[in-house]
Protein backbone atom coordinates (compact mmCIF):
# COMPACT_ATOMS: atom_id res chain seq x y z
CA MET A 1 97.34 102.48 147.31
CA ARG A 2 94.22 102.09 149.40
CA THR A 3 90.59 101.04 149.08
CA ARG A 4 87.94 103.03 150.92
CA LEU A 5 84.22 103.73 150.95
CA ILE A 6 83.14 107.25 149.97
CA LYS A 7 79.60 108.50 150.57
CA THR A 8 78.53 110.81 147.80
CA ASP A 9 75.16 112.52 147.31
CA GLY A 10 73.30 109.47 146.10
CA LEU A 11 75.60 106.49 146.54
CA ILE A 12 78.22 104.84 148.69
CA GLN A 13 81.12 104.09 146.36
CA GLN A 14 84.09 101.81 146.93
CA VAL A 15 87.20 103.42 145.46
CA LEU A 16 90.73 102.17 144.79
CA GLU A 17 92.96 105.20 145.22
CA ALA A 18 96.60 106.27 145.23
CA GLY A 19 98.63 109.47 145.04
CA HIS A 20 96.05 111.29 147.14
CA LYS A 21 97.95 114.52 147.75
CA ALA A 22 95.96 117.72 147.99
CA ASP A 23 97.75 119.36 145.04
CA ALA A 24 97.96 116.31 142.76
CA PRO A 25 95.86 116.46 139.56
CA LEU A 26 93.04 113.92 139.63
CA VAL A 27 92.65 111.11 137.09
CA LEU A 28 89.42 109.12 137.31
CA LEU A 29 89.42 105.56 135.90
CA ILE A 30 86.02 104.05 135.00
CA HIS A 31 85.73 100.29 134.43
CA GLY A 32 83.30 98.35 132.26
CA PHE A 33 81.57 94.95 132.16
CA PRO A 34 82.28 92.59 133.85
CA GLU A 35 85.05 94.40 135.69
CA LEU A 36 85.86 96.31 138.87
CA GLY A 37 88.04 99.14 140.10
CA VAL A 38 90.88 96.61 140.47
CA SER A 39 90.88 96.23 136.68
CA TRP A 40 92.99 99.41 136.75
CA LEU A 41 95.64 98.26 139.22
CA ALA A 42 98.51 98.79 136.79
CA GLN A 43 97.29 102.27 135.86
CA VAL A 44 96.66 103.31 139.45
CA GLN A 45 100.23 102.39 140.28
CA ALA A 46 101.88 103.96 137.23
CA LEU A 47 99.92 107.22 137.19
CA SER A 48 100.19 107.78 140.93
CA GLN A 49 103.95 107.23 140.76
CA ALA A 50 104.02 109.92 138.07
CA GLY A 51 102.45 112.41 140.49
CA TYR A 52 98.73 112.06 139.83
CA HIS A 53 95.94 111.44 142.30
CA VAL A 54 94.25 108.37 140.79
CA ALA A 55 90.83 106.99 141.73
CA ALA A 56 89.23 103.84 140.30
CA PRO A 57 85.73 103.27 141.71
CA ASP A 58 83.66 100.14 141.62
CA MET A 59 80.86 101.55 139.52
CA ARG A 60 77.17 101.64 140.45
CA GLY A 61 75.94 98.03 140.70
CA TYR A 62 79.42 96.53 141.00
CA GLY A 63 81.70 95.20 143.73
CA GLY A 64 81.74 97.19 146.95
CA THR A 65 79.58 100.04 145.63
CA GLU A 66 75.84 100.22 146.26
CA LYS A 67 73.50 98.41 143.86
CA PRO A 68 70.14 100.09 143.27
CA GLN A 69 67.41 97.67 142.22
CA GLN A 70 65.68 99.39 139.29
CA ALA A 71 67.05 99.53 135.74
CA SER A 72 65.99 103.18 135.63
CA ASP A 73 68.56 103.87 138.36
CA TYR A 74 71.33 103.07 135.85
CA SER A 75 70.77 105.77 133.24
CA ILE A 76 73.74 107.57 131.75
CA LEU A 77 72.71 110.63 133.76
CA ASN A 78 72.96 108.61 136.99
CA LEU A 79 76.35 107.23 135.96
CA VAL A 80 77.78 110.61 135.02
CA GLY A 81 76.27 112.09 138.17
CA ASP A 82 78.07 109.48 140.27
CA MET A 83 81.38 110.63 138.80
CA VAL A 84 80.55 114.31 139.30
CA ASP A 85 79.79 113.56 142.95
CA LEU A 86 82.97 111.52 143.34
CA VAL A 87 85.22 114.29 141.99
CA ARG A 88 83.68 116.70 144.47
CA ALA A 89 83.97 114.20 147.33
CA LEU A 90 87.67 113.80 146.51
CA GLY A 91 88.08 117.54 146.98
CA LYS A 92 88.86 118.42 143.35
CA LEU A 93 87.57 121.10 141.00
CA ASN A 94 88.20 119.08 137.83
CA CYS A 95 89.88 115.95 136.54
CA VAL A 96 90.88 113.87 133.53
CA VAL A 97 88.47 110.98 132.99
CA VAL A 98 89.44 107.63 131.46
CA GLY A 99 86.95 104.87 130.66
CA HIS A 100 87.14 101.32 129.32
CA ASP A 101 84.35 99.22 127.78
CA TRP A 102 81.06 100.50 129.31
CA GLY A 103 83.20 102.95 131.24
CA ALA A 104 84.15 104.60 127.93
CA PRO A 105 80.59 105.80 127.13
CA VAL A 106 80.40 107.10 130.70
CA ALA A 107 83.71 108.93 130.26
CA TRP A 108 82.69 110.34 126.88
CA HIS A 109 79.42 111.60 128.36
CA CYS A 110 81.23 113.09 131.36
CA ALA A 111 83.22 115.22 128.91
CA LEU A 112 80.13 115.92 126.80
CA LEU A 113 77.86 117.00 129.66
CA ARG A 114 80.37 118.59 132.07
CA PRO A 115 83.44 119.81 130.16
CA ASP A 116 84.02 122.33 132.95
CA LEU A 117 84.65 119.44 135.36
CA PHE A 118 86.08 116.74 133.06
CA THR A 119 88.70 118.74 131.21
CA ALA A 120 90.15 115.86 129.15
CA VAL A 121 88.96 112.36 128.27
CA ALA A 122 90.43 109.05 127.16
CA GLY A 123 88.28 106.21 125.86
CA LEU A 124 89.58 102.65 125.70
CA SER A 125 88.02 99.98 123.44
CA VAL A 126 84.68 101.75 122.79
CA PRO A 127 84.49 104.96 120.72
CA PHE A 128 81.96 107.70 121.34
CA GLN A 129 78.65 106.78 119.71
CA PRO A 130 76.45 109.86 119.23
CA ARG A 131 72.73 109.74 119.87
CA ARG A 132 70.85 108.62 116.76
CA SER A 133 67.90 110.85 115.84
CA ASN A 134 65.58 108.18 114.45
CA GLY A 135 64.67 106.15 117.49
CA PRO A 136 66.04 104.20 120.46
CA PRO A 137 68.96 101.79 119.96
CA THR A 138 67.77 98.34 121.00
CA PRO A 139 65.07 97.91 118.32
CA ALA A 140 67.60 99.09 115.72
CA MET A 141 70.19 96.56 116.98
CA ALA A 142 67.66 93.74 116.76
CA ALA A 143 66.58 94.74 113.24
CA ILE A 144 70.14 95.01 111.93
CA SER A 145 71.09 91.62 113.41
CA LYS A 146 68.01 89.99 111.92
CA ARG A 147 68.57 91.46 108.44
CA ALA A 148 72.20 90.32 108.47
CA GLY A 149 71.30 86.83 109.67
CA LEU A 150 73.70 87.14 112.59
CA GLY A 151 71.35 85.97 115.34
CA ASP A 152 70.93 88.04 118.48
CA LEU A 153 73.50 90.48 119.76
CA TYR A 154 74.18 89.81 123.44
CA ILE A 155 73.01 93.35 124.24
CA SER A 156 69.56 92.39 122.96
CA ARG A 157 69.53 89.28 125.12
CA PHE A 158 70.59 91.28 128.18
CA GLN A 159 67.33 93.26 127.96
CA ALA A 160 65.44 90.29 129.44
CA ARG A 161 64.60 90.88 133.09
CA ASP A 162 65.99 87.46 134.06
CA ALA A 163 69.10 87.54 131.84
CA HIS A 164 71.40 87.85 134.85
CA LEU A 165 70.34 84.50 136.27
CA ALA A 166 72.28 82.42 133.75
CA LEU A 167 75.41 84.48 134.36
CA GLN A 168 75.33 84.26 138.14
CA ALA A 169 74.53 80.53 138.30
CA ASP A 170 78.30 79.91 138.20
CA PRO A 171 80.22 83.22 138.40
CA ALA A 172 83.64 81.59 137.98
CA THR A 173 82.65 79.89 134.72
CA THR A 174 80.91 83.03 133.44
CA LEU A 175 83.88 85.27 134.14
CA ARG A 176 86.46 82.81 132.84
CA LYS A 177 84.56 82.41 129.56
CA LEU A 178 83.95 86.14 129.09
CA PHE A 179 87.54 87.15 129.76
CA TRP A 180 88.85 84.39 127.47
CA ALA A 181 86.36 85.04 124.65
CA TYR A 182 87.32 88.71 124.33
CA ASP A 183 91.08 88.40 124.85
CA GLY A 184 93.67 89.08 122.19
CA ALA A 185 95.64 85.92 123.03
CA THR A 186 92.63 83.69 122.33
CA PRO A 187 92.66 82.14 118.83
CA ALA A 188 90.63 84.27 116.42
CA ASP A 189 88.17 81.48 115.64
CA LYS A 190 87.46 81.03 119.35
CA ARG A 191 86.77 84.67 120.19
CA SER A 192 83.19 85.79 120.66
CA THR A 193 81.54 87.84 117.93
CA GLY A 194 78.88 89.01 120.37
CA PHE A 195 76.16 87.35 118.31
CA MET A 196 74.39 84.06 119.02
CA PRO A 197 71.88 81.85 117.22
CA GLU A 198 68.29 81.62 118.40
CA GLY A 199 67.99 79.28 121.37
CA VAL A 200 71.72 79.46 122.23
CA ASP A 201 72.87 81.64 125.11
CA LEU A 202 76.06 83.67 125.27
CA LEU A 203 78.02 81.27 127.46
CA GLU A 204 77.14 78.34 125.20
CA THR A 205 78.90 80.12 122.32
CA VAL A 206 82.20 80.08 124.25
CA ASP A 207 84.37 76.95 124.33
CA ASP A 208 84.08 75.00 127.59
CA ALA A 209 87.86 74.63 127.46
CA ALA A 210 88.27 78.39 128.04
CA THR A 211 91.16 79.22 130.36
CA LEU A 212 92.24 82.39 132.10
CA PRO A 213 93.99 84.89 129.81
CA PRO A 214 97.80 85.05 130.21
CA TRP A 215 97.61 88.36 132.09
CA MET A 216 95.07 87.10 134.65
CA SER A 217 96.52 85.49 137.80
CA GLU A 218 94.44 83.15 139.93
CA ASP A 219 94.49 85.67 142.79
CA HIS A 220 93.33 88.49 140.55
CA PHE A 221 90.60 86.28 139.10
CA GLU A 222 89.40 85.47 142.60
CA ASP A 223 88.83 89.20 143.18
CA TYR A 224 86.26 89.14 140.38
CA VAL A 225 84.69 85.82 141.33
CA SER A 226 84.21 86.91 144.94
CA ALA A 227 82.71 90.25 143.96
CA PHE A 228 80.25 88.84 141.43
CA ALA A 229 79.33 85.87 143.63
CA ALA A 230 78.36 88.36 146.34
CA GLY A 231 76.82 91.10 144.21
CA GLY A 232 75.47 89.19 141.22
CA PHE A 233 75.03 90.38 137.63
CA ASP A 234 71.65 92.12 137.87
CA GLY A 235 73.09 95.58 138.56
CA PRO A 236 75.69 95.35 135.77
CA LEU A 237 73.06 94.20 133.26
CA ASN A 238 70.86 97.15 134.24
CA TRP A 239 73.38 99.35 132.43
CA TYR A 240 72.30 97.60 129.21
CA ARG A 241 68.61 97.64 130.14
CA ALA A 242 68.78 101.44 130.46
CA LEU A 243 70.00 101.98 126.88
CA ASP A 244 66.63 103.05 125.49
CA LEU A 245 66.03 105.19 128.58
CA ASN A 246 69.38 106.89 127.88
CA TRP A 247 68.16 107.72 124.39
CA SER A 248 64.99 109.30 125.75
CA LEU A 249 66.91 111.33 128.35
CA THR A 250 69.59 112.77 126.06
CA ALA A 251 67.64 114.55 123.33
CA PHE A 252 69.01 117.80 124.75
CA VAL A 253 72.54 116.89 123.57
CA GLN A 254 71.52 115.73 120.08
CA GLY A 255 74.25 116.86 117.70
CA GLN A 256 76.51 118.19 120.47
CA LYS A 257 80.24 117.48 120.16
CA ILE A 258 82.81 116.54 122.81
CA LEU A 259 85.21 119.47 123.03
CA PRO A 260 87.87 118.61 125.66
CA PRO A 261 91.17 117.09 124.47
CA ALA A 262 90.74 113.36 123.91
CA LEU A 263 92.56 110.08 123.30
CA PHE A 264 91.17 106.83 121.90
CA VAL A 265 92.90 103.44 122.24
CA VAL A 266 91.60 100.10 120.93
CA GLY A 267 92.99 96.61 120.44
CA ALA A 268 93.27 95.55 116.80
CA ASP A 269 91.69 92.19 117.68
CA ASP A 270 88.99 93.50 120.00
CA PRO A 271 85.74 91.61 119.21
CA VAL A 272 83.73 94.67 120.23
CA ARG A 273 84.84 96.22 116.94
CA HIS A 274 82.39 93.84 115.23
CA TYR A 275 79.49 95.97 116.48
CA ALA A 276 80.98 99.25 117.76
CA GLY A 277 83.86 99.69 115.34
CA SER A 278 81.90 101.69 112.78
CA ALA A 279 81.96 104.65 115.17
CA GLU A 280 85.79 104.71 115.06
CA ALA A 281 85.86 106.09 111.52
CA GLY A 282 83.80 109.16 112.39
CA LEU A 283 85.20 109.76 115.86
CA LYS A 284 87.08 112.91 114.90
CA ASP A 285 83.82 114.43 113.60
CA TRP A 286 82.28 114.19 117.07
CA VAL A 287 85.47 114.71 119.08
CA PRO A 288 87.24 117.51 117.20
CA ASN A 289 90.05 117.78 119.74
CA LEU A 290 90.90 114.08 119.47
CA THR A 291 94.67 114.16 119.75
CA ARG A 292 95.33 110.58 118.74
CA THR A 293 93.73 107.24 117.90
CA VAL A 294 95.92 104.23 118.68
CA VAL A 295 95.16 100.72 117.42
CA VAL A 296 97.31 98.26 119.36
CA PRO A 297 98.34 95.25 117.21
CA GLY A 298 97.41 91.85 118.62
CA ALA A 299 95.49 93.26 121.57
CA GLY A 300 91.93 92.26 122.41
CA HIS A 301 89.28 93.90 124.53
CA TRP A 302 90.84 94.01 128.01
CA ILE A 303 93.46 96.40 126.77
CA GLN A 304 94.54 98.12 130.00
CA GLN A 305 95.27 94.70 131.49
CA GLU A 306 96.48 92.91 128.35
CA ARG A 307 98.88 95.71 127.45
CA ALA A 308 99.36 97.53 130.72
CA ASP A 309 102.76 99.03 129.92
CA GLU A 310 101.63 100.36 126.53
CA VAL A 311 98.42 101.82 127.92
CA ASN A 312 100.29 103.40 130.84
CA ALA A 313 102.74 105.03 128.43
CA LEU A 314 99.92 106.31 126.19
CA LEU A 315 98.00 107.74 129.13
CA LEU A 316 101.07 109.44 130.57
CA GLU A 317 101.93 110.89 127.17
CA PHE A 318 98.38 112.21 126.87
CA LEU A 319 98.34 113.63 130.39
CA THR A 320 101.66 115.42 129.99
CA SER A 321 100.50 116.90 126.65
CA LEU A 322 97.62 118.73 128.30
CA PRO A 323 98.02 122.47 128.95
CA LEU A 324 99.72 122.94 132.31
CA SER A 325 96.92 125.25 133.46
CA ARG A 326 94.45 122.37 133.19
CA ARG A 327 96.57 120.26 135.53
CA GLU A 328 97.30 123.04 138.02
CA ARG A 329 93.62 123.87 138.53
CA ALA A 330 92.96 120.46 140.15
């Protein structure tokens, strides 16, 4: 296992990598918010030991990877393009792509836009959400929240140009609260719903007594604290600020389905299901070659770290089920 910087067409990316043999099939692991390539440590180890070349980049705006300044630099086309460039820089013709949290929409769109390159896809925690035809998403989110009397969804709050400042005022507290509030081991009445009353910010909705989840060691936590103390939260929040831009850029795939073989895994107690779970029911309609949906009992949002052994087994089962020709072409 090694960490190195890779210069691609438009970005210098920091990548955690193992199993880097020339003939090993490539598996690309894409993290979400607020995570890093090291969020996949258990998967990098297990998949590389099984004979795969595994790469887990710090994504655009995160950790050791470059952090463009403008929200428009974080469109879904930029994010997919980064992964296309990375596969080529790693010397491969194709790969299997796996994404968690925000990384899942990136992975789904990799398979949607470039099925020739991303020949199979696994999404963790967040199902594919097809482009809606009747307008951009953030006004719709705000209207739905208001009608339901739920307050503001954190995604709506993240649209503010200064929203990152509250998060980076004390990175350790921010990260501890976010990991705890979305973890399956946290009592149900203490987990975040993602919604907050007017005048109350996201961190204020999380108990000040929040502790590290049982799977998070102090050393591992320090990896996150150091990275976000140095790089801040502006880049990561730009992913959210580009949501309406994504809608405007993707009219050309309206109605298009994801055709490569796919796997979806979600924790039964993942709070994200409060606002993204409706897409689970119709996932097979948009991903016709979905081989399996797995709901892990008792698991929360950080599923590849909360249930590393189970996720590793599911990924290996999925990988070995793929036609041999797909794996040999890498």
